[in-house]
PDB file of N, CA and C in Angstrom:
ATOM      1  N   MET A   1      11.280   6.737 -55.214  1.00  0.00           N
ATOM      2  CA  MET A   1      11.831   5.831 -56.203  1.00  0.00           C
ATOM      3  C   MET A   1      12.929   6.544 -56.977  1.00  0.00           C
ATOM      4  N   ARG A   2      14.073   5.898 -57.097  1.00  0.00           N
ATOM      5  CA  ARG A   2      15.186   6.468 -57.846  1.00  0.00           C
ATOM      6  C   ARG A   2      15.018   6.130 -59.316  1.00  0.00           C
ATOM      7  N   ARG A   3      15.100   7.124 -60.155  1.00  0.00           N
ATOM      8  CA  ARG A   3      14.949   6.923 -61.594  1.00  0.00           C
ATOM      9  C   ARG A   3      16.252   7.272 -62.289  1.00  0.00           C
ATOM     10  N   ASP A   4      16.446   6.680 -63.453  1.00  0.00           N
ATOM     11  CA  ASP A   4      17.621   7.040 -64.235  1.00  0.00           C
ATOM     12  C   ASP A   4      17.210   7.386 -65.664  1.00  0.00           C
ATOM     13  N   VAL A   5      18.166   7.864 -66.415  1.00  0.00           N
ATOM     14  CA  VAL A   5      17.903   8.353 -67.766  1.00  0.00           C
ATOM     15  C   VAL A   5      17.393   7.234 -68.684  1.00  0.00           C
ATOM     16  N   PHE A   6      17.792   6.000 -68.421  1.00  0.00           N
ATOM     17  CA  PHE A   6      17.339   4.895 -69.257  1.00  0.00           C
ATOM     18  C   PHE A   6      15.839   4.647 -69.096  1.00  0.00           C
ATOM     19  N   GLN A   7      15.317   4.870 -67.900  1.00  0.00           N
ATOM     20  CA  GLN A   7      13.869   4.775 -67.699  1.00  0.00           C
ATOM     21  C   GLN A   7      13.153   5.869 -68.476  1.00  0.00           C
ATOM     22  N   ALA A   8      13.759   7.019 -68.523  1.00  0.00           N
ATOM     23  CA  ALA A   8      13.133   8.144 -69.220  1.00  0.00           C
ATOM     24  C   ALA A   8      13.000   7.866 -70.705  1.00  0.00           C
ATOM     25  N   ILE A   9      14.040   7.362 -71.314  1.00  0.00           N
ATOM     26  CA  ILE A   9      14.006   7.165 -72.762  1.00  0.00           C
ATOM     27  C   ILE A   9      13.352   5.847 -73.164  1.00  0.00           C
ATOM     28  N   ALA A  10      12.971   5.034 -72.190  1.00  0.00           N
ATOM     29  CA  ALA A  10      12.345   3.749 -72.503  1.00  0.00           C
ATOM     30  C   ALA A  10      10.929   3.912 -73.055  1.00  0.00           C
ATOM     31  N   ASP A  11      10.295   5.009 -72.763  1.00  0.00           N
ATOM     32  CA  ASP A  11       8.907   5.206 -73.169  1.00  0.00           C
ATOM     33  C   ASP A  11       8.826   6.097 -74.405  1.00  0.00           C
ATOM     34  N   PRO A  12       8.066   5.689 -75.431  1.00  0.00           N
ATOM     35  CA  PRO A  12       7.980   6.487 -76.660  1.00  0.00           C
ATOM     36  C   PRO A  12       7.379   7.876 -76.454  1.00  0.00           C
ATOM     37  N   THR A  13       6.430   8.013 -75.534  1.00  0.00           N
ATOM     38  CA  THR A  13       5.857   9.335 -75.275  1.00  0.00           C
ATOM     39  C   THR A  13       6.912  10.259 -74.691  1.00  0.00           C
ATOM     40  N   ARG A  14       7.703   9.744 -73.757  1.00  0.00           N
ATOM     41  CA  ARG A  14       8.757  10.575 -73.166  1.00  0.00           C
ATOM     42  C   ARG A  14       9.820  10.932 -74.201  1.00  0.00           C
ATOM     43  N   ARG A  15      10.142   9.994 -75.073  1.00  0.00           N
ATOM     44  CA  ARG A  15      11.109  10.315 -76.141  1.00  0.00           C
ATOM     45  C   ARG A  15      10.561  11.420 -77.029  1.00  0.00           C
ATOM     46  N   GLU A  16       9.256  11.381 -77.311  1.00  0.00           N
ATOM     47  CA  GLU A  16       8.641  12.421 -78.143  1.00  0.00           C
ATOM     48  C   GLU A  16       8.654  13.772 -77.421  1.00  0.00           C
ATOM     49  N   ILE A  17       8.386  13.749 -76.131  1.00  0.00           N
ATOM     50  CA  ILE A  17       8.440  14.986 -75.348  1.00  0.00           C
ATOM     51  C   ILE A  17       9.856  15.561 -75.375  1.00  0.00           C
ATOM     52  N   ILE A  18      10.851  14.717 -75.191  1.00  0.00           N
ATOM     53  CA  ILE A  18      12.249  15.164 -75.244  1.00  0.00           C
ATOM     54  C   ILE A  18      12.541  15.796 -76.605  1.00  0.00           C
ATOM     55  N   GLY A  19      12.068  15.158 -77.657  1.00  0.00           N
ATOM     56  CA  GLY A  19      12.280  15.695 -79.006  1.00  0.00           C
ATOM     57  C   GLY A  19      11.630  17.055 -79.199  1.00  0.00           C
ATOM     58  N   MET A  20      10.441  17.210 -78.659  1.00  0.00           N
ATOM     59  CA  MET A  20       9.754  18.503 -78.768  1.00  0.00           C
ATOM     60  C   MET A  20      10.521  19.589 -78.013  1.00  0.00           C
ATOM     61  N   LEU A  21      10.961  19.241 -76.810  1.00  0.00           N
ATOM     62  CA  LEU A  21      11.657  20.231 -75.995  1.00  0.00           C
ATOM     63  C   LEU A  21      13.064  20.520 -76.509  1.00  0.00           C
ATOM     64  N   ALA A  22      13.577  19.639 -77.342  1.00  0.00           N
ATOM     65  CA  ALA A  22      14.877  19.912 -77.964  1.00  0.00           C
ATOM     66  C   ALA A  22      14.767  21.082 -78.928  1.00  0.00           C
ATOM     67  N   GLN A  23      13.580  21.265 -79.490  1.00  0.00           N
ATOM     68  CA  GLN A  23      13.353  22.344 -80.443  1.00  0.00           C
ATOM     69  C   GLN A  23      13.116  23.676 -79.749  1.00  0.00           C
ATOM     70  N   GLN A  24      12.347  23.634 -78.645  1.00  0.00           N
ATOM     71  CA  GLN A  24      12.011  24.867 -77.926  1.00  0.00           C
ATOM     72  C   GLN A  24      11.421  24.522 -76.569  1.00  0.00           C
ATOM     73  N   SER A  25      11.512  25.451 -75.652  1.00  0.00           N
ATOM     74  CA  SER A  25      10.857  25.304 -74.356  1.00  0.00           C
ATOM     75  C   SER A  25       9.357  25.516 -74.553  1.00  0.00           C
ATOM     76  N   LEU A  26       8.575  24.722 -73.836  1.00  0.00           N
ATOM     77  CA  LEU A  26       7.119  24.805 -73.964  1.00  0.00           C
ATOM     78  C   LEU A  26       6.478  24.806 -72.586  1.00  0.00           C
ATOM     79  N   ASN A  27       5.305  25.459 -72.488  1.00  0.00           N
ATOM     80  CA  ASN A  27       4.601  25.346 -71.217  1.00  0.00           C
ATOM     81  C   ASN A  27       3.899  23.993 -71.179  1.00  0.00           C
ATOM     82  N   LEU A  28       3.477  23.604 -69.995  1.00  0.00           N
ATOM     83  CA  LEU A  28       2.889  22.275 -69.824  1.00  0.00           C
ATOM     84  C   LEU A  28       1.664  22.056 -70.707  1.00  0.00           C
ATOM     85  N   ASN A  29       0.857  23.078 -70.875  1.00  0.00           N
ATOM     86  CA  ASN A  29      -0.328  22.939 -71.729  1.00  0.00           C
ATOM     87  C   ASN A  29       0.050  22.704 -73.188  1.00  0.00           C
ATOM     88  N   ASN A  30       1.080  23.405 -73.681  1.00  0.00           N
ATOM     89  CA  ASN A  30       1.526  23.187 -75.061  1.00  0.00           C
ATOM     90  C   ASN A  30       2.037  21.770 -75.258  1.00  0.00           C
ATOM     91  N   VAL A  31       2.722  21.243 -74.275  1.00  0.00           N
ATOM     92  CA  VAL A  31       3.195  19.854 -74.368  1.00  0.00           C
ATOM     93  C   VAL A  31       1.997  18.924 -74.424  1.00  0.00           C
ATOM     94  N   ALA A  32       1.064  19.086 -73.494  1.00  0.00           N
ATOM     95  CA  ALA A  32      -0.105  18.199 -73.420  1.00  0.00           C
ATOM     96  C   ALA A  32      -0.951  18.268 -74.682  1.00  0.00           C
ATOM     97  N   ASP A  33      -1.034  19.450 -75.297  1.00  0.00           N
ATOM     98  CA  ASP A  33      -1.850  19.618 -76.504  1.00  0.00           C
ATOM     99  C   ASP A  33      -1.341  18.789 -77.686  1.00  0.00           C
ATOM    100  N   GLN A  34      -0.100  18.357 -77.642  1.00  0.00           N
ATOM    101  CA  GLN A  34       0.481  17.596 -78.746  1.00  0.00           C
ATOM    102  C   GLN A  34       0.151  16.106 -78.688  1.00  0.00           C
ATOM    103  N   PHE A  35      -0.539  15.679 -77.627  1.00  0.00           N
ATOM    104  CA  PHE A  35      -0.801  14.258 -77.429  1.00  0.00           C
ATOM    105  C   PHE A  35      -2.290  14.004 -77.248  1.00  0.00           C
ATOM    106  N   SER A  36      -2.696  12.794 -77.571  1.00  0.00           N
ATOM    107  CA  SER A  36      -4.098  12.424 -77.423  1.00  0.00           C
ATOM    108  C   SER A  36      -4.364  11.748 -76.077  1.00  0.00           C
ATOM    109  N   ILE A  37      -3.369  11.699 -75.222  1.00  0.00           N
ATOM    110  CA  ILE A  37      -3.570  11.119 -73.892  1.00  0.00           C
ATOM    111  C   ILE A  37      -3.917  12.237 -72.904  1.00  0.00           C
ATOM    112  N   SER A  38      -4.346  11.860 -71.728  1.00  0.00           N
ATOM    113  CA  SER A  38      -4.828  12.834 -70.745  1.00  0.00           C
ATOM    114  C   SER A  38      -3.707  13.734 -70.221  1.00  0.00           C
ATOM    115  N   ARG A  39      -4.080  14.891 -69.749  1.00  0.00           N
ATOM    116  CA  ARG A  39      -3.109  15.820 -69.146  1.00  0.00           C
ATOM    117  C   ARG A  39      -2.440  15.205 -67.924  1.00  0.00           C
ATOM    118  N   PRO A  40      -3.181  14.491 -67.059  1.00  0.00           N
ATOM    119  CA  PRO A  40      -2.494  13.847 -65.933  1.00  0.00           C
ATOM    120  C   PRO A  40      -1.428  12.844 -66.385  1.00  0.00           C
ATOM    121  N   ALA A  41      -1.693  12.150 -67.495  1.00  0.00           N
ATOM    122  CA  ALA A  41      -0.696  11.211 -68.014  1.00  0.00           C
ATOM    123  C   ALA A  41       0.540  11.965 -68.493  1.00  0.00           C
ATOM    124  N   ILE A  42       0.341  13.086 -69.176  1.00  0.00           N
ATOM    125  CA  ILE A  42       1.475  13.904 -69.614  1.00  0.00           C
ATOM    126  C   ILE A  42       2.234  14.434 -68.408  1.00  0.00           C
ATOM    127  N   SER A  43       1.505  14.868 -67.381  1.00  0.00           N
ATOM    128  CA  SER A  43       2.157  15.362 -66.161  1.00  0.00           C
ATOM    129  C   SER A  43       3.022  14.281 -65.531  1.00  0.00           C
ATOM    130  N   LYS A  44       2.552  13.050 -65.571  1.00  0.00           N
ATOM    131  CA  LYS A  44       3.341  11.943 -65.023  1.00  0.00           C
ATOM    132  C   LYS A  44       4.621  11.748 -65.839  1.00  0.00           C
ATOM    133  N   HIS A  45       4.503  11.820 -67.159  1.00  0.00           N
ATOM    134  CA  HIS A  45       5.696  11.689 -68.005  1.00  0.00           C
ATOM    135  C   HIS A  45       6.681  12.827 -67.731  1.00  0.00           C
ATOM    136  N   ILE A  46       6.163  14.034 -67.601  1.00  0.00           N
ATOM    137  CA  ILE A  46       7.026  15.192 -67.312  1.00  0.00           C
ATOM    138  C   ILE A  46       7.704  15.008 -65.953  1.00  0.00           C
ATOM    139  N   LYS A  47       6.966  14.499 -64.991  1.00  0.00           N
ATOM    140  CA  LYS A  47       7.541  14.264 -63.664  1.00  0.00           C
ATOM    141  C   LYS A  47       8.706  13.280 -63.744  1.00  0.00           C
ATOM    142  N   ILE A  48       8.525  12.209 -64.484  1.00  0.00           N
ATOM    143  CA  ILE A  48       9.603  11.220 -64.643  1.00  0.00           C
ATOM    144  C   ILE A  48      10.808  11.864 -65.323  1.00  0.00           C
ATOM    145  N   LEU A  49      10.557  12.664 -66.357  1.00  0.00           N
ATOM    146  CA  LEU A  49      11.665  13.334 -67.051  1.00  0.00           C
ATOM    147  C   LEU A  49      12.402  14.298 -66.131  1.00  0.00           C
ATOM    148  N   THR A  50      11.682  14.976 -65.257  1.00  0.00           N
ATOM    149  CA  THR A  50      12.353  15.892 -64.321  1.00  0.00           C
ATOM    150  C   THR A  50      13.118  15.107 -63.267  1.00  0.00           C
ATOM    151  N   GLU A  51      12.552  14.000 -62.797  1.00  0.00           N
ATOM    152  CA  GLU A  51      13.246  13.170 -61.808  1.00  0.00           C
ATOM    153  C   GLU A  51      14.531  12.575 -62.380  1.00  0.00           C
ATOM    154  N   CYS A  52      14.546  12.340 -63.680  1.00  0.00           N
ATOM    155  CA  CYS A  52      15.730  11.798 -64.346  1.00  0.00           C
ATOM    156  C   CYS A  52      16.725  12.883 -64.725  1.00  0.00           C
ATOM    157  N   GLY A  53      16.335  14.126 -64.597  1.00  0.00           N
ATOM    158  CA  GLY A  53      17.237  15.227 -64.905  1.00  0.00           C
ATOM    159  C   GLY A  53      17.276  15.638 -66.361  1.00  0.00           C
ATOM    160  N   LEU A  54      16.306  15.182 -67.157  1.00  0.00           N
ATOM    161  CA  LEU A  54      16.273  15.527 -68.582  1.00  0.00           C
ATOM    162  C   LEU A  54      15.432  16.762 -68.874  1.00  0.00           C
ATOM    163  N   VAL A  55      14.580  17.126 -67.937  1.00  0.00           N
ATOM    164  CA  VAL A  55      13.713  18.298 -68.101  1.00  0.00           C
ATOM    165  C   VAL A  55      13.758  19.104 -66.813  1.00  0.00           C
ATOM    166  N   THR A  56      13.829  20.405 -66.974  1.00  0.00           N
ATOM    167  CA  THR A  56      13.677  21.310 -65.834  1.00  0.00           C
ATOM    168  C   THR A  56      12.428  22.141 -66.074  1.00  0.00           C
ATOM    169  N   ILE A  57      11.794  22.538 -65.001  1.00  0.00           N
ATOM    170  CA  ILE A  57      10.580  23.340 -65.094  1.00  0.00           C
ATOM    171  C   ILE A  57      10.821  24.659 -64.373  1.00  0.00           C
ATOM    172  N   THR A  58      10.475  25.743 -65.058  1.00  0.00           N
ATOM    173  CA  THR A  58      10.577  27.068 -64.448  1.00  0.00           C
ATOM    174  C   THR A  58       9.204  27.715 -64.443  1.00  0.00           C
ATOM    175  N   GLN A  59       8.971  28.482 -63.439  1.00  0.00           N
ATOM    176  CA  GLN A  59       7.703  29.210 -63.304  1.00  0.00           C
ATOM    177  C   GLN A  59       7.893  30.607 -63.884  1.00  0.00           C
ATOM    178  N   GLN A  60       7.031  30.991 -64.820  1.00  0.00           N
ATOM    179  CA  GLN A  60       7.021  32.341 -65.375  1.00  0.00           C
ATOM    180  C   GLN A  60       5.601  32.857 -65.267  1.00  0.00           C
ATOM    181  N   GLY A  61       5.376  33.665 -64.246  1.00  0.00           N
ATOM    182  CA  GLY A  61       4.015  34.114 -63.984  1.00  0.00           C
ATOM    183  C   GLY A  61       3.166  32.939 -63.566  1.00  0.00           C
ATOM    184  N   ARG A  62       2.051  32.757 -64.261  1.00  0.00           N
ATOM    185  CA  ARG A  62       1.164  31.630 -63.946  1.00  0.00           C
ATOM    186  C   ARG A  62       1.528  30.372 -64.719  1.00  0.00           C
ATOM    187  N   GLU A  63       2.438  30.488 -65.651  1.00  0.00           N
ATOM    188  CA  GLU A  63       2.801  29.353 -66.518  1.00  0.00           C
ATOM    189  C   GLU A  63       4.034  28.623 -65.999  1.00  0.00           C
ATOM    190  N   ARG A  64       4.061  27.321 -66.225  1.00  0.00           N
ATOM    191  CA  ARG A  64       5.227  26.494 -65.920  1.00  0.00           C
ATOM    192  C   ARG A  64       5.797  26.025 -67.258  1.00  0.00           C
ATOM    193  N   TYR A  65       7.068  26.344 -67.493  1.00  0.00           N
ATOM    194  CA  TYR A  65       7.717  26.005 -68.755  1.00  0.00           C
ATOM    195  C   TYR A  65       8.688  24.857 -68.572  1.00  0.00           C
ATOM    196  N   CYS A  66       8.665  23.957 -69.541  1.00  0.00           N
ATOM    197  CA  CYS A  66       9.564  22.805 -69.555  1.00  0.00           C
ATOM    198  C   CYS A  66      10.746  23.124 -70.466  1.00  0.00           C
ATOM    199  N   HIS A  67      11.928  22.821 -69.986  1.00  0.00           N
ATOM    200  CA  HIS A  67      13.159  23.040 -70.741  1.00  0.00           C
ATOM    201  C   HIS A  67      13.941  21.731 -70.773  1.00  0.00           C
ATOM    202  N   ALA A  68      14.492  21.407 -71.910  1.00  0.00           N
ATOM    203  CA  ALA A  68      15.301  20.199 -72.031  1.00  0.00           C
ATOM    204  C   ALA A  68      16.683  20.438 -71.422  1.00  0.00           C
ATOM    205  N   ASP A  69      17.215  19.417 -70.799  1.00  0.00           N
ATOM    206  CA  ASP A  69      18.565  19.442 -70.249  1.00  0.00           C
ATOM    207  C   ASP A  69      19.216  18.119 -70.651  1.00  0.00           C
ATOM    208  N   PHE A  70      20.024  18.155 -71.689  1.00  0.00           N
ATOM    209  CA  PHE A  70      20.528  16.918 -72.283  1.00  0.00           C
ATOM    210  C   PHE A  70      21.841  16.415 -71.700  1.00  0.00           C
ATOM    211  N   GLY A  71      22.302  17.034 -70.637  1.00  0.00           N
ATOM    212  CA  GLY A  71      23.540  16.575 -70.008  1.00  0.00           C
ATOM    213  C   GLY A  71      23.492  15.113 -69.602  1.00  0.00           C
ATOM    214  N   LYS A  72      22.352  14.663 -69.103  1.00  0.00           N
ATOM    215  CA  LYS A  72      22.214  13.274 -68.658  1.00  0.00           C
ATOM    216  C   LYS A  72      22.210  12.278 -69.820  1.00  0.00           C
ATOM    217  N   LEU A  73      21.882  12.739 -71.021  1.00  0.00           N
ATOM    218  CA  LEU A  73      21.880  11.821 -72.168  1.00  0.00           C
ATOM    219  C   LEU A  73      23.291  11.336 -72.501  1.00  0.00           C
ATOM    220  N   LYS A  74      24.290  12.009 -71.974  1.00  0.00           N
ATOM    221  CA  LYS A  74      25.673  11.556 -72.170  1.00  0.00           C
ATOM    222  C   LYS A  74      25.851  10.156 -71.586  1.00  0.00           C
ATOM    223  N   GLN A  75      25.127   9.843 -70.519  1.00  0.00           N
ATOM    224  CA  GLN A  75      25.185   8.499 -69.946  1.00  0.00           C
ATOM    225  C   GLN A  75      24.767   7.454 -70.982  1.00  0.00           C
ATOM    226  N   VAL A  76      23.726   7.767 -71.736  1.00  0.00           N
ATOM    227  CA  VAL A  76      23.246   6.844 -72.763  1.00  0.00           C
ATOM    228  C   VAL A  76      24.275   6.733 -73.879  1.00  0.00           C
ATOM    229  N   ALA A  77      24.815   7.865 -74.307  1.00  0.00           N
ATOM    230  CA  ALA A  77      25.816   7.871 -75.374  1.00  0.00           C
ATOM    231  C   ALA A  77      27.047   7.076 -74.956  1.00  0.00           C
ATOM    232  N   ASP A  78      27.493   7.258 -73.732  1.00  0.00           N
ATOM    233  CA  ASP A  78      28.666   6.517 -73.247  1.00  0.00           C
ATOM    234  C   ASP A  78      28.389   5.020 -73.193  1.00  0.00           C
ATOM    235  N   TRP A  79      27.203   4.651 -72.737  1.00  0.00           N
ATOM    236  CA  TRP A  79      26.855   3.245 -72.623  1.00  0.00           C
ATOM    237  C   TRP A  79      26.780   2.571 -73.994  1.00  0.00           C
ATOM    238  N   THR A  80      26.128   3.254 -74.945  1.00  0.00           N
ATOM    239  CA  THR A  80      26.006   2.662 -76.276  1.00  0.00           C
ATOM    240  C   THR A  80      27.343   2.650 -77.018  1.00  0.00           C
ATOM    241  N   ALA A  81      28.217   3.607 -76.726  1.00  0.00           N
ATOM    242  CA  ALA A  81      29.528   3.647 -77.392  1.00  0.00           C
ATOM    243  C   ALA A  81      30.340   2.399 -77.073  1.00  0.00           C
ATOM    244  N   ARG A  82      30.160   1.846 -75.882  1.00  0.00           N
ATOM    245  CA  ARG A  82      30.895   0.625 -75.520  1.00  0.00           C
ATOM    246  C   ARG A  82      30.555  -0.528 -76.457  1.00  0.00           C
ATOM    247  N   TYR A  83      29.338  -0.539 -76.959  1.00  0.00           N
ATOM    248  CA  TYR A  83      28.896  -1.648 -77.802  1.00  0.00           C
ATOM    249  C   TYR A  83      29.014  -1.348 -79.293  1.00  0.00           C
ATOM    250  N   GLN A  84      29.269  -0.115 -79.635  1.00  0.00           N
ATOM    251  CA  GLN A  84      29.354   0.264 -81.040  1.00  0.00           C
ATOM    252  C   GLN A  84      30.464  -0.500 -81.751  1.00  0.00           C
ATOM    253  N   LYS A  85      31.655  -0.584 -81.154  1.00  0.00           N
ATOM    254  CA  LYS A  85      32.769  -1.302 -81.781  1.00  0.00           C
ATOM    255  C   LYS A  85      32.421  -2.772 -81.954  1.00  0.00           C
ATOM    256  N   PHE A  86      31.854  -3.377 -80.918  1.00  0.00           N
ATOM    257  CA  PHE A  86      31.468  -4.786 -80.977  1.00  0.00           C
ATOM    258  C   PHE A  86      30.529  -5.047 -82.154  1.00  0.00           C
ATOM    259  N   TRP A  87      29.452  -4.262 -82.244  1.00  0.00           N
ATOM    260  CA  TRP A  87      28.461  -4.494 -83.291  1.00  0.00           C
ATOM    261  C   TRP A  87      28.987  -4.120 -84.668  1.00  0.00           C
ATOM    262  N   THR A  88      29.820  -3.122 -84.751  1.00  0.00           N
ATOM    263  CA  THR A  88      30.418  -2.770 -86.039  1.00  0.00           C
ATOM    264  C   THR A  88      31.262  -3.931 -86.561  1.00  0.00           C
ATOM    265  N   GLU A  89      32.068  -4.514 -85.687  1.00  0.00           N
ATOM    266  CA  GLU A  89      32.888  -5.653 -86.091  1.00  0.00           C
ATOM    267  C   GLU A  89      32.035  -6.851 -86.500  1.00  0.00           C
ATOM    268  N   LYS A  90      30.992  -7.132 -85.745  1.00  0.00           N
ATOM    269  CA  LYS A  90      30.120  -8.270 -86.059  1.00  0.00           C
ATOM    270  C   LYS A  90      29.388  -8.053 -87.383  1.00  0.00           C
ATOM    271  N   LEU A  91      28.883  -6.865 -87.597  1.00  0.00           N
ATOM    272  CA  LEU A  91      28.161  -6.597 -88.843  1.00  0.00           C
ATOM    273  C   LEU A  91      29.097  -6.570 -90.041  1.00  0.00           C
ATOM    274  N   ASP A  92      30.304  -6.061 -89.855  1.00  0.00           N
ATOM    275  CA  ASP A  92      31.296  -6.100 -90.936  1.00  0.00           C
ATOM    276  C   ASP A  92      31.642  -7.542 -91.284  1.00  0.00           C
ATOM    277  N   ALA A  93      31.787  -8.383 -90.268  1.00  0.00           N
ATOM    278  CA  ALA A  93      32.093  -9.798 -90.515  1.00  0.00           C
ATOM    279  C   ALA A  93      30.929 -10.478 -91.235  1.00  0.00           C
ATOM    280  N   LEU A  94      29.714 -10.154 -90.838  1.00  0.00           N
ATOM    281  CA  LEU A  94      28.545 -10.719 -91.512  1.00  0.00           C
ATOM    282  C   LEU A  94      28.498 -10.264 -92.964  1.00  0.00           C
ATOM    283  N   GLY A  95      28.761  -8.996 -93.200  1.00  0.00           N
ATOM    284  CA  GLY A  95      28.775  -8.482 -94.576  1.00  0.00           C
ATOM    285  C   GLY A  95      29.817  -9.179 -95.427  1.00  0.00           C
ATOM    286  N   ALA A  96      31.003  -9.387 -94.875  1.00  0.00           N
ATOM    287  CA  ALA A  96      32.063 -10.084 -95.611  1.00  0.00           C
ATOM    288  C   ALA A  96      31.660 -11.530 -95.897  1.00  0.00           C
ATOM    289  N   PHE A  97      31.051 -12.196 -94.928  1.00  0.00           N
ATOM    290  CA  PHE A  97      30.596 -13.566 -95.115  1.00  0.00           C
ATOM    291  C   PHE A  97      29.546 -13.649 -96.215  1.00  0.00           C
ATOM    292  N   LEU A  98      28.577 -12.748 -96.171  1.00  0.00           N
ATOM    293  CA  LEU A  98      27.513 -12.767 -97.180  1.00  0.00           C
ATOM    294  C   LEU A  98      28.062 -12.467 -98.569  1.00  0.00           C
ATOM    295  N   GLU A  99      29.000 -11.559 -98.653  1.00  0.00           N
ATOM    296  CA  GLU A  99      29.622 -11.256 -99.947  1.00  0.00           C
ATOM    297  C   GLU A  99      30.381 -12.472-100.476  1.00  0.00           C
ATOM    298  N   GLN A 100      31.069 -13.170 -99.585  1.00  0.00           N
ATOM    299  CA  GLN A 100      31.806 -14.369 -99.986  1.00  0.00           C
ATOM    300  C   GLN A 100      30.840 -15.456-100.457  1.00  0.00           C
ATOM    301  N   GLU A 101      29.723 -15.625 -99.748  1.00  0.00           N
ATOM    302  CA  GLU A 101      28.714 -16.609-100.146  1.00  0.00           C
ATOM    303  C   GLU A 101      28.128 -16.260-101.511  1.00  0.00           C
ATOM    304  N   LYS A 102      27.892 -14.973-101.731  1.00  0.00           N
ATOM    305  CA  LYS A 102      27.328 -14.528-102.992  1.00  0.00           C
ATOM    306  C   LYS A 102      28.296 -14.825-104.124  1.00  0.00           C
ATOM    307  N   GLN A 103      29.566 -14.522-103.934  1.00  0.00           N
ATOM    308  CA  GLN A 103      30.572 -14.785-104.962  1.00  0.00           C
ATOM    309  C   GLN A 103      30.714 -16.274-105.245  1.00  0.00           C
ATOM    310  N   GLN A 104      30.632 -17.095-104.208  1.00  0.00           N
ATOM    311  CA  GLN A 104      30.749 -18.539-104.391  1.00  0.00           C
ATOM    312  C   GLN A 104      29.552 -19.094-105.145  1.00  0.00           C
ATOM    313  N   SER A 105      28.355 -18.563-104.854  1.00  0.00           N
ATOM    314  CA  SER A 105      27.165 -19.066-105.543  1.00  0.00           C
ATOM    315  C   SER A 105      27.159 -18.610-107.020  1.00  0.00           C
ATOM    316  N   GLN A 106      27.735 -17.445-107.293  1.00  0.00           N
ATOM    317  CA  GLN A 106      27.801 -16.958-108.675  1.00  0.00           C
ATOM    318  C   GLN A 106      28.855 -17.730-109.467  1.00  0.00           C
ATOM    319  N   ALA A 107      29.865 -18.245-108.806  1.00  0.00           N
ATOM    320  CA  ALA A 107      30.937 -18.982-109.478  1.00  0.00           C
ATOM    321  C   ALA A 107      30.475 -20.379-109.880  1.00  0.00           C
ATOM    322  N   LYS A 108      29.437 -20.874-109.252  1.00  0.00           N
ATOM    323  CA  LYS A 108      28.960 -22.240-109.547  1.00  0.00           C
ATOM    324  C   LYS A 108      28.171 -22.284-110.789  1.00  0.00           C
TER     325      LYS A 108
END
């Protein structure tokens, strides 16, 4: 199954894992210890993150360490940037409309 970065960030647990790994690299047990869900469930989330290219795993002795790789998040930033101008204009127009309505109601 082909996965993309949007699938990775769609899940709150995976977003939390990404946030943790942004601070420091952790071994798989340290990651799992931060959650109340099962280790196999965490392993599945880590697998999805690695398939999406957001996490790399390195072997150091008997331990496997997870490292964040945020290069793929640029896809998300680029995608959302396309809509930023649109929503900024719409929200600015809404703000101007509401301010005008407020002024008109105060004038009455």
